[in-house]
PDB file of all heavy atoms in Angstrom:
ATOM      1  N   ASP A   1     -16.569 -18.799  -7.042  1.00  0.00           N
ATOM      2  CA  ASP A   1     -17.847 -18.203  -6.648  1.00  0.00           C
ATOM      3  C   ASP A   1     -17.794 -17.550  -5.270  1.00  0.00           C
ATOM      4  O   ASP A   1     -18.771 -16.947  -4.821  1.00  0.00           O
ATOM      5  CB  ASP A   1     -18.977 -19.237  -6.708  1.00  0.00           C
ATOM      6  CG  ASP A   1     -18.714 -20.458  -5.837  1.00  0.00           C
ATOM      7  OD1 ASP A   1     -17.665 -20.481  -5.143  1.00  0.00           O
ATOM      8  OD2 ASP A   1     -19.544 -21.376  -5.841  1.00  0.00           O
ATOM      9  N   GLU A   2     -16.650 -17.653  -4.597  1.00  0.00           N
ATOM     10  CA  GLU A   2     -16.483 -17.008  -3.296  1.00  0.00           C
ATOM     11  C   GLU A   2     -15.770 -15.666  -3.400  1.00  0.00           C
ATOM     12  O   GLU A   2     -15.527 -15.000  -2.384  1.00  0.00           O
ATOM     13  CB  GLU A   2     -15.710 -17.930  -2.357  1.00  0.00           C
ATOM     14  CG  GLU A   2     -16.410 -19.247  -2.052  1.00  0.00           C
ATOM     15  CD  GLU A   2     -15.575 -20.127  -1.149  1.00  0.00           C
ATOM     16  OE1 GLU A   2     -15.173 -19.655  -0.069  1.00  0.00           O
ATOM     17  OE2 GLU A   2     -15.309 -21.280  -1.532  1.00  0.00           O
ATOM     18  N   VAL A   3     -15.418 -15.240  -4.612  1.00  0.00           N
ATOM     19  CA  VAL A   3     -14.732 -13.968  -4.809  1.00  0.00           C
ATOM     20  C   VAL A   3     -15.638 -12.815  -4.379  1.00  0.00           C
ATOM     21  O   VAL A   3     -16.819 -12.773  -4.727  1.00  0.00           O
ATOM     22  CB  VAL A   3     -14.319 -13.790  -6.290  1.00  0.00           C
ATOM     23  CG1 VAL A   3     -13.785 -12.369  -6.520  1.00  0.00           C
ATOM     24  CG2 VAL A   3     -13.270 -14.821  -6.673  1.00  0.00           C
ATOM     25  N   LYS A   4     -15.072 -11.878  -3.629  1.00  0.00           N
ATOM     26  CA  LYS A   4     -15.799 -10.692  -3.199  1.00  0.00           C
ATOM     27  C   LYS A   4     -15.290  -9.492  -4.013  1.00  0.00           C
ATOM     28  O   LYS A   4     -14.208  -8.975  -3.734  1.00  0.00           O
ATOM     29  CB  LYS A   4     -15.596 -10.450  -1.706  1.00  0.00           C
ATOM     30  CG  LYS A   4     -16.101 -11.584  -0.834  1.00  0.00           C
ATOM     31  CD  LYS A   4     -15.808 -11.333   0.637  1.00  0.00           C
ATOM     32  CE  LYS A   4     -16.311 -12.480   1.497  1.00  0.00           C
ATOM     33  NZ  LYS A   4     -15.988 -12.260   2.941  1.00  0.00           N
ATOM     34  N   PRO A   5     -16.049  -9.068  -5.032  1.00  0.00           N
ATOM     35  CA  PRO A   5     -15.587  -7.975  -5.898  1.00  0.00           C
ATOM     36  C   PRO A   5     -15.291  -6.692  -5.121  1.00  0.00           C
ATOM     37  O   PRO A   5     -15.946  -6.383  -4.123  1.00  0.00           O
ATOM     38  CB  PRO A   5     -16.768  -7.780  -6.853  1.00  0.00           C
ATOM     39  CG  PRO A   5     -17.499  -9.077  -6.833  1.00  0.00           C
ATOM     40  CD  PRO A   5     -17.362  -9.582  -5.421  1.00  0.00           C
ATOM     41  N   VAL A   6     -14.298  -5.969  -5.599  1.00  0.00           N
ATOM     42  CA  VAL A   6     -13.903  -4.697  -5.000  1.00  0.00           C
ATOM     43  C   VAL A   6     -14.705  -3.572  -5.639  1.00  0.00           C
ATOM     44  O   VAL A   6     -14.889  -3.550  -6.855  1.00  0.00           O
ATOM     45  CB  VAL A   6     -12.396  -4.450  -5.201  1.00  0.00           C
ATOM     46  CG1 VAL A   6     -11.995  -3.078  -4.679  1.00  0.00           C
ATOM     47  CG2 VAL A   6     -11.579  -5.544  -4.526  1.00  0.00           C
ATOM     48  N   ASP A   7     -15.168  -2.634  -4.846  1.00  0.00           N
ATOM     49  CA  ASP A   7     -15.839  -1.446  -5.370  1.00  0.00           C
ATOM     50  C   ASP A   7     -14.759  -0.469  -5.835  1.00  0.00           C
ATOM     51  O   ASP A   7     -14.167   0.251  -5.022  1.00  0.00           O
ATOM     52  CB  ASP A   7     -16.708  -0.811  -4.285  1.00  0.00           C
ATOM     53  CG  ASP A   7     -17.503   0.390  -4.794  1.00  0.00           C
ATOM     54  OD1 ASP A   7     -17.271   0.815  -5.952  1.00  0.00           O
ATOM     55  OD2 ASP A   7     -18.335   0.923  -4.033  1.00  0.00           O
ATOM     56  N   VAL A   8     -14.471  -0.464  -7.122  1.00  0.00           N
ATOM     57  CA  VAL A   8     -13.376   0.348  -7.639  1.00  0.00           C
ATOM     58  C   VAL A   8     -13.646   1.840  -7.515  1.00  0.00           C
ATOM     59  O   VAL A   8     -12.719   2.659  -7.557  1.00  0.00           O
ATOM     60  CB  VAL A   8     -13.054  -0.010  -9.102  1.00  0.00           C
ATOM     61  CG1 VAL A   8     -12.565  -1.449  -9.206  1.00  0.00           C
ATOM     62  CG2 VAL A   8     -14.263   0.212 -10.003  1.00  0.00           C
ATOM     63  N   SER A   9     -14.913   2.232  -7.346  1.00  0.00           N
ATOM     64  CA  SER A   9     -15.245   3.656  -7.233  1.00  0.00           C
ATOM     65  C   SER A   9     -14.768   4.249  -5.911  1.00  0.00           C
ATOM     66  O   SER A   9     -14.547   5.462  -5.805  1.00  0.00           O
ATOM     67  CB  SER A   9     -16.748   3.860  -7.384  1.00  0.00           C
ATOM     68  OG  SER A   9     -17.456   3.278  -6.300  1.00  0.00           O
ATOM     69  N   THR A  10     -14.606   3.408  -4.895  1.00  0.00           N
ATOM     70  CA  THR A  10     -14.152   3.894  -3.590  1.00  0.00           C
ATOM     71  C   THR A  10     -12.793   3.320  -3.192  1.00  0.00           C
ATOM     72  O   THR A  10     -12.263   3.646  -2.130  1.00  0.00           O
ATOM     73  CB  THR A  10     -15.177   3.514  -2.501  1.00  0.00           C
ATOM     74  OG1 THR A  10     -15.311   2.079  -2.445  1.00  0.00           O
ATOM     75  CG2 THR A  10     -16.529   4.137  -2.799  1.00  0.00           C
ATOM     76  N   TRP A  11     -12.238   2.474  -4.048  1.00  0.00           N
ATOM     77  CA  TRP A  11     -10.976   1.799  -3.728  1.00  0.00           C
ATOM     78  C   TRP A  11      -9.833   2.792  -3.592  1.00  0.00           C
ATOM     79  O   TRP A  11      -9.718   3.745  -4.375  1.00  0.00           O
ATOM     80  CB  TRP A  11     -10.655   0.785  -4.814  1.00  0.00           C
ATOM     81  CG  TRP A  11      -9.333   0.085  -4.645  1.00  0.00           C
ATOM     82  CD1 TRP A  11      -9.101  -1.082  -3.989  1.00  0.00           C
ATOM     83  CD2 TRP A  11      -8.059   0.507  -5.154  1.00  0.00           C
ATOM     84  NE1 TRP A  11      -7.778  -1.424  -4.054  1.00  0.00           N
ATOM     85  CE2 TRP A  11      -7.120  -0.462  -4.769  1.00  0.00           C
ATOM     86  CE3 TRP A  11      -7.636   1.612  -5.902  1.00  0.00           C
ATOM     87  CZ2 TRP A  11      -5.767  -0.368  -5.090  1.00  0.00           C
ATOM     88  CZ3 TRP A  11      -6.287   1.715  -6.226  1.00  0.00           C
ATOM     89  CH2 TRP A  11      -5.367   0.722  -5.820  1.00  0.00           C
ATOM     90  N   LYS A  12      -8.977   2.566  -2.621  1.00  0.00           N
ATOM     91  CA  LYS A  12      -7.738   3.326  -2.465  1.00  0.00           C
ATOM     92  C   LYS A  12      -6.626   2.370  -2.032  1.00  0.00           C
ATOM     93  O   LYS A  12      -6.886   1.392  -1.328  1.00  0.00           O
ATOM     94  CB  LYS A  12      -7.903   4.437  -1.424  1.00  0.00           C
ATOM     95  CG  LYS A  12      -8.758   5.599  -1.894  1.00  0.00           C
ATOM     96  CD  LYS A  12      -8.762   6.730  -0.860  1.00  0.00           C
ATOM     97  CE  LYS A  12      -9.584   7.909  -1.359  1.00  0.00           C
ATOM     98  NZ  LYS A  12      -9.578   9.036  -0.376  1.00  0.00           N
ATOM     99  N   LEU A  13      -5.414   2.675  -2.482  1.00  0.00           N
ATOM    100  CA  LEU A  13      -4.256   1.886  -2.089  1.00  0.00           C
ATOM    101  C   LEU A  13      -3.626   2.524  -0.860  1.00  0.00           C
ATOM    102  O   LEU A  13      -3.116   3.653  -0.931  1.00  0.00           O
ATOM    103  CB  LEU A  13      -3.243   1.812  -3.231  1.00  0.00           C
ATOM    104  CG  LEU A  13      -1.946   1.056  -2.920  1.00  0.00           C
ATOM    105  CD1 LEU A  13      -2.232  -0.419  -2.666  1.00  0.00           C
ATOM    106  CD2 LEU A  13      -0.929   1.219  -4.067  1.00  0.00           C
ATOM    107  N   GLU A  14      -3.657   1.824   0.257  1.00  0.00           N
ATOM    108  CA  GLU A  14      -3.081   2.328   1.497  1.00  0.00           C
ATOM    109  C   GLU A  14      -1.600   1.971   1.568  1.00  0.00           C
ATOM    110  O   GLU A  14      -1.178   0.902   1.112  1.00  0.00           O
ATOM    111  CB  GLU A  14      -3.819   1.733   2.701  1.00  0.00           C
ATOM    112  CG  GLU A  14      -5.315   1.996   2.713  1.00  0.00           C
ATOM    113  CD  GLU A  14      -5.655   3.460   2.955  1.00  0.00           C
ATOM    114  OE1 GLU A  14      -4.799   4.185   3.524  1.00  0.00           O
ATOM    115  OE2 GLU A  14      -6.772   3.878   2.594  1.00  0.00           O
ATOM    116  N   LEU A  15      -0.809   2.870   2.168  1.00  0.00           N
ATOM    117  CA  LEU A  15       0.634   2.678   2.286  1.00  0.00           C
ATOM    118  C   LEU A  15       1.049   2.766   3.746  1.00  0.00           C
ATOM    119  O   LEU A  15       0.526   3.597   4.505  1.00  0.00           O
ATOM    120  CB  LEU A  15       1.385   3.736   1.468  1.00  0.00           C
ATOM    121  CG  LEU A  15       1.034   3.823  -0.022  1.00  0.00           C
ATOM    122  CD1 LEU A  15       1.729   5.019  -0.664  1.00  0.00           C
ATOM    123  CD2 LEU A  15       1.408   2.541  -0.748  1.00  0.00           C
ATOM    124  N   SER A  16       2.018   1.938   4.139  1.00  0.00           N
ATOM    125  CA  SER A  16       2.479   1.967   5.526  1.00  0.00           C
ATOM    126  C   SER A  16       3.922   1.487   5.607  1.00  0.00           C
ATOM    127  O   SER A  16       4.494   0.992   4.636  1.00  0.00           O
ATOM    128  CB  SER A  16       1.584   1.089   6.413  1.00  0.00           C
ATOM    129  OG  SER A  16       1.670  -0.273   6.015  1.00  0.00           O
ATOM    130  N   GLY A  17       4.496   1.640   6.793  1.00  0.00           N
ATOM    131  CA  GLY A  17       5.860   1.170   7.013  1.00  0.00           C
ATOM    132  C   GLY A  17       6.902   2.208   6.662  1.00  0.00           C
ATOM    133  O   GLY A  17       6.708   3.419   6.877  1.00  0.00           O
ATOM    134  N   LEU A  18       8.001   1.730   6.102  1.00  0.00           N
ATOM    135  CA  LEU A  18       9.159   2.582   5.821  1.00  0.00           C
ATOM    136  C   LEU A  18       8.969   3.344   4.510  1.00  0.00           C
ATOM    137  O   LEU A  18       9.674   3.145   3.520  1.00  0.00           O
ATOM    138  CB  LEU A  18      10.417   1.721   5.790  1.00  0.00           C
ATOM    139  CG  LEU A  18      10.667   0.899   7.069  1.00  0.00           C
ATOM    140  CD1 LEU A  18      11.879   0.001   6.902  1.00  0.00           C
ATOM    141  CD2 LEU A  18      10.834   1.811   8.270  1.00  0.00           C
ATOM    142  N   ILE A  19       7.981   4.245   4.519  1.00  0.00           N
ATOM    143  CA  ILE A  19       7.612   5.050   3.349  1.00  0.00           C
ATOM    144  C   ILE A  19       7.452   6.497   3.795  1.00  0.00           C
ATOM    145  O   ILE A  19       6.786   6.768   4.802  1.00  0.00           O
ATOM    146  CB  ILE A  19       6.290   4.534   2.737  1.00  0.00           C
ATOM    147  CG1 ILE A  19       6.460   3.106   2.212  1.00  0.00           C
ATOM    148  CG2 ILE A  19       5.809   5.460   1.626  1.00  0.00           C
ATOM    149  CD1 ILE A  19       5.163   2.472   1.741  1.00  0.00           C
ATOM    150  N   LYS A  20       8.054   7.437   3.082  1.00  0.00           N
ATOM    151  CA  LYS A  20       7.975   8.845   3.470  1.00  0.00           C
ATOM    152  C   LYS A  20       6.591   9.436   3.197  1.00  0.00           C
ATOM    153  O   LYS A  20       6.025  10.128   4.030  1.00  0.00           O
ATOM    154  CB  LYS A  20       9.046   9.642   2.720  1.00  0.00           C
ATOM    155  CG  LYS A  20      10.467   9.330   3.153  1.00  0.00           C
ATOM    156  CD  LYS A  20      11.480  10.162   2.376  1.00  0.00           C
ATOM    157  CE  LYS A  20      12.904   9.835   2.821  1.00  0.00           C
ATOM    158  NZ  LYS A  20      13.915  10.607   2.042  1.00  0.00           N
ATOM    159  N   ASP A  21       6.046   9.157   2.026  1.00  0.00           N
ATOM    160  CA  ASP A  21       4.749   9.712   1.645  1.00  0.00           C
ATOM    161  C   ASP A  21       3.695   8.605   1.720  1.00  0.00           C
ATOM    162  O   ASP A  21       3.548   7.806   0.804  1.00  0.00           O
ATOM    163  CB  ASP A  21       4.814  10.293   0.235  1.00  0.00           C
ATOM    164  CG  ASP A  21       3.542  11.030  -0.159  1.00  0.00           C
ATOM    165  OD1 ASP A  21       2.554  10.964   0.606  1.00  0.00           O
ATOM    166  OD2 ASP A  21       3.521  11.671  -1.226  1.00  0.00           O
ATOM    167  N   LYS A  22       2.960   8.584   2.825  1.00  0.00           N
ATOM    168  CA  LYS A  22       1.999   7.516   3.056  1.00  0.00           C
ATOM    169  C   LYS A  22       0.578   7.883   2.620  1.00  0.00           C
ATOM    170  O   LYS A  22      -0.379   7.182   2.968  1.00  0.00           O
ATOM    171  CB  LYS A  22       1.992   7.116   4.524  1.00  0.00           C
ATOM    172  CG  LYS A  22       3.306   6.510   5.024  1.00  0.00           C
ATOM    173  CD  LYS A  22       3.157   6.033   6.458  1.00  0.00           C
ATOM    174  CE  LYS A  22       4.411   5.339   6.954  1.00  0.00           C
ATOM    175  NZ  LYS A  22       5.541   6.286   7.100  1.00  0.00           N
ATOM    176  N   ARG A  23       0.439   8.928   1.853  1.00  0.00           N
ATOM    177  CA  ARG A  23      -0.896   9.277   1.377  1.00  0.00           C
ATOM    178  C   ARG A  23      -1.439   8.170   0.478  1.00  0.00           C
ATOM    179  O   ARG A  23      -0.718   7.631  -0.364  1.00  0.00           O
ATOM    180  CB  ARG A  23      -0.858  10.597   0.599  1.00  0.00           C
ATOM    181  CG  ARG A  23      -0.606  11.826   1.471  1.00  0.00           C
ATOM    182  CD  ARG A  23      -0.510  13.071   0.630  1.00  0.00           C
ATOM    183  NE  ARG A  23       0.680  13.046  -0.228  1.00  0.00           N
ATOM    184  CZ  ARG A  23       1.014  14.030  -1.077  1.00  0.00           C
ATOM    185  NH1 ARG A  23       0.225  15.093  -1.210  1.00  0.00           N
ATOM    186  NH2 ARG A  23       2.116  13.929  -1.805  1.00  0.00           N
ATOM    187  N   PRO A  24      -2.706   7.807   0.646  1.00  0.00           N
ATOM    188  CA  PRO A  24      -3.296   6.745  -0.187  1.00  0.00           C
ATOM    189  C   PRO A  24      -3.407   7.175  -1.642  1.00  0.00           C
ATOM    190  O   PRO A  24      -3.493   8.371  -1.947  1.00  0.00           O
ATOM    191  CB  PRO A  24      -4.672   6.514   0.454  1.00  0.00           C
ATOM    192  CG  PRO A  24      -4.981   7.792   1.157  1.00  0.00           C
ATOM    193  CD  PRO A  24      -3.675   8.334   1.635  1.00  0.00           C
ATOM    194  N   TRP A  25      -3.425   6.184  -2.521  1.00  0.00           N
ATOM    195  CA  TRP A  25      -3.527   6.433  -3.958  1.00  0.00           C
ATOM    196  C   TRP A  25      -4.889   5.975  -4.469  1.00  0.00           C
ATOM    197  O   TRP A  25      -5.364   4.902  -4.104  1.00  0.00           O
ATOM    198  CB  TRP A  25      -2.433   5.668  -4.703  1.00  0.00           C
ATOM    199  CG  TRP A  25      -1.094   6.338  -4.620  1.00  0.00           C
ATOM    200  CD1 TRP A  25      -0.350   6.544  -3.497  1.00  0.00           C
ATOM    201  CD2 TRP A  25      -0.351   6.893  -5.718  1.00  0.00           C
ATOM    202  NE1 TRP A  25       0.825   7.190  -3.813  1.00  0.00           N
ATOM    203  CE2 TRP A  25       0.849   7.416  -5.176  1.00  0.00           C
ATOM    204  CE3 TRP A  25      -0.571   6.976  -7.083  1.00  0.00           C
ATOM    205  CZ2 TRP A  25       1.824   8.016  -5.958  1.00  0.00           C
ATOM    206  CZ3 TRP A  25       0.404   7.572  -7.878  1.00  0.00           C
ATOM    207  CH2 TRP A  25       1.572   8.101  -7.320  1.00  0.00           C
ATOM    208  N   THR A  26      -5.471   6.791  -5.333  1.00  0.00           N
ATOM    209  CA  THR A  26      -6.707   6.390  -5.998  1.00  0.00           C
ATOM    210  C   THR A  26      -6.358   5.617  -7.262  1.00  0.00           C
ATOM    211  O   THR A  26      -5.211   5.662  -7.751  1.00  0.00           O
ATOM    212  CB  THR A  26      -7.556   7.607  -6.368  1.00  0.00           C
ATOM    213  OG1 THR A  26      -6.864   8.370  -7.379  1.00  0.00           O
ATOM    214  CG2 THR A  26      -7.825   8.487  -5.149  1.00  0.00           C
ATOM    215  N   LEU A  27      -7.341   4.955  -7.822  1.00  0.00           N
ATOM    216  CA  LEU A  27      -7.109   4.194  -9.046  1.00  0.00           C
ATOM    217  C   LEU A  27      -6.770   5.122 -10.207  1.00  0.00           C
ATOM    218  O   LEU A  27      -5.913   4.799 -11.035  1.00  0.00           O
ATOM    219  CB  LEU A  27      -8.334   3.347  -9.373  1.00  0.00           C
ATOM    220  CG  LEU A  27      -8.176   2.335 -10.514  1.00  0.00           C
ATOM    221  CD1 LEU A  27      -7.020   1.391 -10.243  1.00  0.00           C
ATOM    222  CD2 LEU A  27      -9.471   1.547 -10.697  1.00  0.00           C
ATOM    223  N   ASP A  28      -7.407   6.274 -10.261  1.00  0.00           N
ATOM    224  CA  ASP A  28      -7.108   7.235 -11.333  1.00  0.00           C
ATOM    225  C   ASP A  28      -5.655   7.692 -11.258  1.00  0.00           C
ATOM    226  O   ASP A  28      -4.995   7.863 -12.299  1.00  0.00           O
ATOM    227  CB  ASP A  28      -8.042   8.445 -11.241  1.00  0.00           C
ATOM    228  CG  ASP A  28      -9.455   8.132 -11.698  1.00  0.00           C
ATOM    229  OD1 ASP A  28      -9.629   7.129 -12.423  1.00  0.00           O
ATOM    230  OD2 ASP A  28     -10.384   8.880 -11.334  1.00  0.00           O
ATOM    231  N   GLN A  29      -5.150   7.890 -10.047  1.00  0.00           N
ATOM    232  CA  GLN A  29      -3.748   8.296  -9.898  1.00  0.00           C
ATOM    233  C   GLN A  29      -2.804   7.205 -10.380  1.00  0.00           C
ATOM    234  O   GLN A  29      -1.779   7.480 -11.019  1.00  0.00           O
ATOM    235  CB  GLN A  29      -3.451   8.631  -8.433  1.00  0.00           C
ATOM    236  CG  GLN A  29      -4.071   9.929  -7.950  1.00  0.00           C
ATOM    237  CD  GLN A  29      -3.848  10.145  -6.461  1.00  0.00           C
ATOM    238  OE1 GLN A  29      -4.111   9.267  -5.635  1.00  0.00           O
ATOM    239  NE2 GLN A  29      -3.329  11.310  -6.116  1.00  0.00           N
ATOM    240  N   ILE A  30      -3.145   5.966 -10.083  1.00  0.00           N
ATOM    241  CA  ILE A  30      -2.301   4.854 -10.529  1.00  0.00           C
ATOM    242  C   ILE A  30      -2.374   4.700 -12.045  1.00  0.00           C
ATOM    243  O   ILE A  30      -1.357   4.466 -12.713  1.00  0.00           O
ATOM    244  CB  ILE A  30      -2.708   3.557  -9.812  1.00  0.00           C
ATOM    245  CG1 ILE A  30      -2.346   3.660  -8.330  1.00  0.00           C
ATOM    246  CG2 ILE A  30      -2.032   2.338 -10.443  1.00  0.00           C
ATOM    247  CD1 ILE A  30      -2.725   2.470  -7.494  1.00  0.00           C
ATOM    248  N   TYR A  31      -3.567   4.846 -12.601  1.00  0.00           N
ATOM    249  CA  TYR A  31      -3.714   4.776 -14.056  1.00  0.00           C
ATOM    250  C   TYR A  31      -2.911   5.863 -14.763  1.00  0.00           C
ATOM    251  O   TYR A  31      -2.502   5.703 -15.924  1.00  0.00           O
ATOM    252  CB  TYR A  31      -5.186   4.904 -14.445  1.00  0.00           C
ATOM    253  CG  TYR A  31      -5.977   3.621 -14.412  1.00  0.00           C
ATOM    254  CD1 TYR A  31      -7.300   3.614 -13.984  1.00  0.00           C
ATOM    255  CD2 TYR A  31      -5.408   2.407 -14.793  1.00  0.00           C
ATOM    256  CE1 TYR A  31      -8.048   2.432 -13.957  1.00  0.00           C
ATOM    257  CE2 TYR A  31      -6.136   1.230 -14.763  1.00  0.00           C
ATOM    258  CZ  TYR A  31      -7.452   1.248 -14.345  1.00  0.00           C
ATOM    259  OH  TYR A  31      -8.172   0.086 -14.315  1.00  0.00           O
ATOM    260  N   ALA A  32      -2.691   6.994 -14.100  1.00  0.00           N
ATOM    261  CA  ALA A  32      -1.975   8.121 -14.708  1.00  0.00           C
ATOM    262  C   ALA A  32      -0.464   7.889 -14.778  1.00  0.00           C
ATOM    263  O   ALA A  32       0.242   8.607 -15.493  1.00  0.00           O
ATOM    264  CB  ALA A  32      -2.269   9.399 -13.929  1.00  0.00           C
TER     265      ALA A  32
END
């Protein structure tokens, strides 16, 4: 009951560190 649901409509996957392309990913892009 302490779970805080994620708003999937605005969710993005952030990338950092030793990665060349750090552009965030949307859920639609991941689903594709």
